[in-house]
C-alpha atoms as a PDB file:
ATOM      1  CA  MET A   1       5.952   6.799 -20.844  1.00  0.00           C
ATOM      2  CA  PRO A   2       5.015   9.689 -18.500  1.00  0.00           C
ATOM      3  CA  VAL A   3       5.450   9.060 -14.767  1.00  0.00           C
ATOM      4  CA  LEU A   4       3.476  10.866 -12.054  1.00  0.00           C
ATOM      5  CA  HIS A   5       5.485  11.854  -8.970  1.00  0.00           C
ATOM      6  CA  LEU A   6       4.036  12.904  -5.624  1.00  0.00           C
ATOM      7  CA  GLY A   7       6.307  14.709  -3.180  1.00  0.00           C
ATOM      8  CA  VAL A   8       7.072  17.952  -1.393  1.00  0.00           C
ATOM      9  CA  ILE A   9       9.200  21.025  -1.914  1.00  0.00           C
ATOM     10  CA  ASP A  10      12.099  20.562   0.506  1.00  0.00           C
ATOM     11  CA  ILE A  11      11.778  23.427   3.021  1.00  0.00           C
ATOM     12  CA  PRO A  12      13.448  23.579   6.449  1.00  0.00           C
ATOM     13  CA  TYR A  13      11.206  23.780   9.486  1.00  0.00           C
ATOM     14  CA  VAL A  14      12.490  27.150  10.730  1.00  0.00           C
ATOM     15  CA  ASP A  15      10.829  30.403  11.743  1.00  0.00           C
ATOM     16  CA  ALA A  16      11.411  33.825  10.156  1.00  0.00           C
ATOM     17  CA  LYS A  17      14.538  34.333  12.299  1.00  0.00           C
ATOM     18  CA  GLY A  18      16.059  31.062  11.108  1.00  0.00           C
ATOM     19  CA  LYS A  19      15.499  29.260  14.394  1.00  0.00           C
ATOM     20  CA  ALA A  20      14.145  25.712  14.527  1.00  0.00           C
ATOM     21  CA  ARG A  21      10.342  25.590  14.635  1.00  0.00           C
ATOM     22  CA  PRO A  22       9.755  22.478  16.737  1.00  0.00           C
ATOM     23  CA  HIS A  23       8.432  22.974  20.247  1.00  0.00           C
ATOM     24  CA  LYS A  24      11.247  23.015  22.820  1.00  0.00           C
ATOM     25  CA  ARG A  25      10.211  19.534  23.980  1.00  0.00           C
ATOM     26  CA  HIS A  26      10.894  18.116  20.468  1.00  0.00           C
ATOM     27  CA  ARG A  27      13.623  20.505  19.339  1.00  0.00           C
ATOM     28  CA  GLN A  28      16.570  18.130  19.590  1.00  0.00           C
ATOM     29  CA  LYS A  29      14.770  15.367  17.679  1.00  0.00           C
ATOM     30  CA  TYR A  30      13.514  17.626  14.859  1.00  0.00           C
ATOM     31  CA  GLU A  31      15.939  20.566  14.841  1.00  0.00           C
ATOM     32  CA  ASN A  32      17.398  20.033  11.358  1.00  0.00           C
ATOM     33  CA  LYS A  33      14.350  18.472   9.692  1.00  0.00           C
ATOM     34  CA  THR A  34      12.907  19.588   6.366  1.00  0.00           C
ATOM     35  CA  THR A  35       9.554  18.921   4.735  1.00  0.00           C
ATOM     36  CA  GLY A  36      11.318  16.241   2.687  1.00  0.00           C
ATOM     37  CA  ASP A  37      12.462  14.476   5.865  1.00  0.00           C
ATOM     38  CA  VAL A  38       8.968  14.719   7.355  1.00  0.00           C
ATOM     39  CA  ALA A  39       7.380  13.423   4.127  1.00  0.00           C
ATOM     40  CA  GLU A  40       9.703  10.396   4.175  1.00  0.00           C
ATOM     41  CA  ILE A  41       8.846   9.691   7.834  1.00  0.00           C
ATOM     42  CA  LEU A  42       5.097  10.030   7.205  1.00  0.00           C
ATOM     43  CA  GLU A  43       5.246   7.885   4.085  1.00  0.00           C
ATOM     44  CA  ALA A  44       7.217   5.134   5.842  1.00  0.00           C
ATOM     45  CA  LYS A  45       4.933   5.097   8.888  1.00  0.00           C
ATOM     46  CA  TYR A  46       1.484   6.053   7.510  1.00  0.00           C
ATOM     47  CA  HIS A  47       1.737   5.806   3.670  1.00  0.00           C
ATOM     48  CA  VAL A  48      -0.085   9.144   3.278  1.00  0.00           C
ATOM     49  CA  MET A  49       0.658   9.710  -0.431  1.00  0.00           C
ATOM     50  CA  GLU A  50       0.184   6.030  -1.245  1.00  0.00           C
ATOM     51  CA  HIS A  51      -3.250   6.049   0.405  1.00  0.00           C
ATOM     52  CA  PHE A  52      -4.094   9.264  -1.460  1.00  0.00           C
ATOM     53  CA  TYR A  53      -3.352   7.616  -4.798  1.00  0.00           C
ATOM     54  CA  GLU A  54      -5.240   4.433  -3.854  1.00  0.00           C
ATOM     55  CA  LEU A  55      -8.302   6.476  -2.906  1.00  0.00           C
ATOM     56  CA  HIS A  56      -8.166   8.937  -5.800  1.00  0.00           C
ATOM     57  CA  HIS A  57      -6.519   7.017  -8.653  1.00  0.00           C
ATOM     58  CA  ALA A  58      -9.596   7.240 -10.880  1.00  0.00           C
ATOM     59  CA  GLU A  59      -9.785  11.019 -10.391  1.00  0.00           C
ATOM     60  CA  VAL A  60      -6.012  11.375 -10.933  1.00  0.00           C
ATOM     61  CA  ASP A  61      -6.137   9.268 -14.103  1.00  0.00           C
ATOM     62  CA  HIS A  62      -9.064  11.318 -15.411  1.00  0.00           C
ATOM     63  CA  LEU A  63      -7.303  14.611 -14.678  1.00  0.00           C
ATOM     64  CA  LEU A  64      -4.136  13.443 -16.436  1.00  0.00           C
ATOM     65  CA  PHE A  65      -6.116  12.182 -19.439  1.00  0.00           C
ATOM     66  CA  GLU A  66      -7.941  15.518 -19.762  1.00  0.00           C
ATOM     67  CA  SER A  67      -4.689  17.445 -19.431  1.00  0.00           C
ATOM     68  CA  PHE A  68      -2.888  15.337 -22.059  1.00  0.00           C
ATOM     69  CA  GLU A  69      -5.892  15.613 -24.372  1.00  0.00           C
ATOM     70  CA  GLY A  70      -5.956  19.407 -23.952  1.00  0.00           C
ATOM     71  CA  ALA A  71      -2.213  19.664 -24.552  1.00  0.00           C
ATOM     72  CA  ILE A  72      -2.505  17.650 -27.785  1.00  0.00           C
ATOM     73  CA  GLU A  73      -5.340  19.881 -28.988  1.00  0.00           C
ATOM     74  CA  SER A  74      -3.281  22.978 -28.155  1.00  0.00           C
ATOM     75  CA  LEU A  75      -0.243  21.632 -29.997  1.00  0.00           C
ATOM     76  CA  LEU A  76      -2.371  20.859 -33.047  1.00  0.00           C
ATOM     77  CA  ALA A  77      -3.747  24.396 -32.862  1.00  0.00           C
ATOM     78  CA  GLY A  78      -0.227  25.833 -32.937  1.00  0.00           C
ATOM     79  CA  ALA A  79       0.833  26.157 -29.297  1.00  0.00           C
ATOM     80  CA  PRO A  80       4.580  26.041 -28.682  1.00  0.00           C
ATOM     81  CA  PRO A  81       6.014  22.544 -28.118  1.00  0.00           C
ATOM     82  CA  THR A  82       7.380  23.627 -24.714  1.00  0.00           C
ATOM     83  CA  LEU A  83       3.831  23.458 -23.336  1.00  0.00           C
ATOM     84  CA  SER A  84       3.526  21.402 -20.130  1.00  0.00           C
ATOM     85  CA  VAL A  85       1.262  18.471 -21.010  1.00  0.00           C
ATOM     86  CA  ALA A  86       0.263  17.800 -17.398  1.00  0.00           C
ATOM     87  CA  GLY A  87       0.247  21.328 -15.984  1.00  0.00           C
ATOM     88  CA  THR A  88      -3.474  21.623 -15.319  1.00  0.00           C
ATOM     89  CA  ALA A  89      -3.695  18.086 -13.935  1.00  0.00           C
ATOM     90  CA  THR A  90      -0.837  18.448 -11.476  1.00  0.00           C
ATOM     91  CA  SER A  91      -2.277  21.574  -9.873  1.00  0.00           C
ATOM     92  CA  LYS A  92      -5.663  19.847  -9.486  1.00  0.00           C
ATOM     93  CA  ILE A  93      -3.967  16.746  -8.022  1.00  0.00           C
ATOM     94  CA  GLU A  94      -2.168  18.988  -5.510  1.00  0.00           C
ATOM     95  CA  ASP A  95      -5.491  20.591  -4.570  1.00  0.00           C
ATOM     96  CA  ALA A  96      -7.114  17.153  -4.145  1.00  0.00           C
ATOM     97  CA  PHE A  97      -4.301  15.986  -1.815  1.00  0.00           C
ATOM     98  CA  LYS A  98      -4.501  19.133   0.308  1.00  0.00           C
ATOM     99  CA  GLN A  99      -8.289  18.815   0.440  1.00  0.00           C
ATOM    100  CA  MET A 100      -7.998  15.158   1.512  1.00  0.00           C
ATOM    101  CA  LEU A 101      -5.853  16.200   4.483  1.00  0.00           C
ATOM    102  CA  SER A 102      -8.093  19.151   5.421  1.00  0.00           C
ATOM    103  CA  THR A 103     -11.317  17.139   5.321  1.00  0.00           C
ATOM    104  CA  MET A 104      -9.790  14.336   7.434  1.00  0.00           C
ATOM    105  CA  GLU A 105     -10.589  11.768   4.736  1.00  0.00           C
ATOM    106  CA  LEU A 106      -7.794   9.421   5.866  1.00  0.00           C
ATOM    107  CA  ASP A 107      -8.821   9.790   9.519  1.00  0.00           C
ATOM    108  CA  ALA A 108     -12.228   8.293   8.761  1.00  0.00           C
ATOM    109  CA  LEU A 109     -10.972   5.199   6.914  1.00  0.00           C
ATOM    110  CA  GLY A 110      -9.344   3.340   9.800  1.00  0.00           C
ATOM    111  CA  TYR A 111      -5.839   2.853   8.409  1.00  0.00           C
ATOM    112  CA  PRO A 112      -3.342   1.719  11.092  1.00  0.00           C
ATOM    113  CA  GLY A 113      -2.235   4.673  13.232  1.00  0.00           C
ATOM    114  CA  ILE A 114      -4.620   7.101  11.533  1.00  0.00           C
ATOM    115  CA  PRO A 115      -5.901   9.349  12.997  1.00  0.00           C
ATOM    116  CA  THR A 116      -2.617  10.083  14.735  1.00  0.00           C
ATOM    117  CA  GLN A 117      -2.533  10.493  18.498  1.00  0.00           C
ATOM    118  CA  ALA A 118      -1.227  14.056  18.091  1.00  0.00           C
ATOM    119  CA  ALA A 119      -4.254  14.905  15.925  1.00  0.00           C
ATOM    120  CA  LEU A 120      -6.652  13.365  18.454  1.00  0.00           C
ATOM    121  CA  ASP A 121      -4.949  15.365  21.216  1.00  0.00           C
ATOM    122  CA  GLY A 122      -5.236  18.564  19.165  1.00  0.00           C
ATOM    123  CA  VAL A 123      -1.478  19.189  19.231  1.00  0.00           C
ATOM    124  CA  SER A 124      -0.596  22.120  16.980  1.00  0.00           C
ATOM    125  CA  HIS A 125       2.902  23.578  16.852  1.00  0.00           C
ATOM    126  CA  ARG A 126       1.589  26.745  15.193  1.00  0.00           C
ATOM    127  CA  PHE A 127       1.072  28.107  18.704  1.00  0.00           C
ATOM    128  CA  ALA A 128       3.353  28.808  21.667  1.00  0.00           C
ATOM    129  CA  ASN A 129       1.476  26.185  23.696  1.00  0.00           C
ATOM    130  CA  PRO A 130       0.883  23.250  21.307  1.00  0.00           C
ATOM    131  CA  THR A 131      -1.598  21.350  23.504  1.00  0.00           C
ATOM    132  CA  HIS A 132      -3.677  24.027  25.225  1.00  0.00           C
ATOM    133  CA  ARG A 133      -5.290  27.338  24.408  1.00  0.00           C
ATOM    134  CA  ARG A 134      -6.158  30.165  26.771  1.00  0.00           C
ATOM    135  CA  VAL A 135      -9.876  30.842  27.166  1.00  0.00           C
ATOM    136  CA  LYS A 136     -11.024  33.961  28.995  1.00  0.00           C
ATOM    137  CA  GLY A 137     -12.566  32.958  32.301  1.00  0.00           C
ATOM    138  CA  ALA A 138     -11.587  29.305  31.927  1.00  0.00           C
ATOM    139  CA  GLY A 139      -7.780  29.468  31.837  1.00  0.00           C
ATOM    140  CA  LEU A 140      -5.964  26.820  29.803  1.00  0.00           C
ATOM    141  CA  VAL A 141      -8.209  24.436  27.849  1.00  0.00           C
ATOM    142  CA  ARG A 142      -7.095  21.454  25.731  1.00  0.00           C
ATOM    143  CA  ARG A 143      -7.212  22.040  22.010  1.00  0.00           C
ATOM    144  CA  ALA A 144      -9.899  20.302  19.962  1.00  0.00           C
ATOM    145  CA  PRO A 145      -8.831  17.418  17.699  1.00  0.00           C
ATOM    146  CA  ARG A 146      -7.343  18.491  14.363  1.00  0.00           C
ATOM    147  CA  PRO A 147      -6.799  16.737  11.026  1.00  0.00           C
ATOM    148  CA  SER A 148      -3.888  14.289  10.966  1.00  0.00           C
ATOM    149  CA  PHE A 149      -0.704  15.402   9.175  1.00  0.00           C
ATOM    150  CA  ILE A 150      -1.516  19.121   9.494  1.00  0.00           C
ATOM    151  CA  ASP A 151       0.502  20.228  12.507  1.00  0.00           C
ATOM    152  CA  THR A 152       2.304  23.356  11.339  1.00  0.00           C
ATOM    153  CA  GLY A 153       0.718  23.189   7.873  1.00  0.00           C
ATOM    154  CA  LEU A 154       4.085  23.204   6.099  1.00  0.00           C
ATOM    155  CA  TYR A 155       3.877  19.562   4.921  1.00  0.00           C
ATOM    156  CA  GLN A 156       0.458  20.181   3.377  1.00  0.00           C
ATOM    157  CA  ALA A 157       1.473  23.503   1.819  1.00  0.00           C
ATOM    158  CA  SER A 158       4.666  22.115   0.288  1.00  0.00           C
ATOM    159  CA  PHE A 159       2.998  19.125  -1.439  1.00  0.00           C
ATOM    160  CA  LYS A 160       3.672  18.932  -5.185  1.00  0.00           C
ATOM    161  CA  ALA A 161       2.722  16.649  -8.057  1.00  0.00           C
ATOM    162  CA  TRP A 162       4.697  16.553 -11.296  1.00  0.00           C
ATOM    163  CA  VAL A 163       5.058  14.411 -14.391  1.00  0.00           C
ATOM    164  CA  THR A 164       8.300  13.297 -16.046  1.00  0.00           C
ATOM    165  CA  GLU A 165       8.922  11.391 -19.251  1.00  0.00           C
END
């Protein structure tokens, strides 16, 4: 029986020079964290991937069905048996998860703690100053709210779906 897995590629949160990415205020707490660690924290606290599957299970099931059906047709037509039966579905599932985060779908549903306070405050550790941006003539201005769970973008970018037997 095939099993669908949702997870992330385990990548350390470091910059190009190998230094920890977290803002200096959070460095000690998150210095040796990876996307896997962050995914576990987010899943335990917010159930991000669980909510994704609950919201999109019909779409996921349909994508897997179409992929399995296409793989069977390809095998019957002579494709090599090493063909990935869920390859097209998993890439579409990954796209759907990333789209869900980008469009703030979870933020609008009122799950406990979502949207996150950091997202409401516009905190983004992609910049030297995570909470403010410099505006010509106005000085430092607070950042606008952002989607939850997309701080540096690494968690979203490293998301993967795969199927095992």
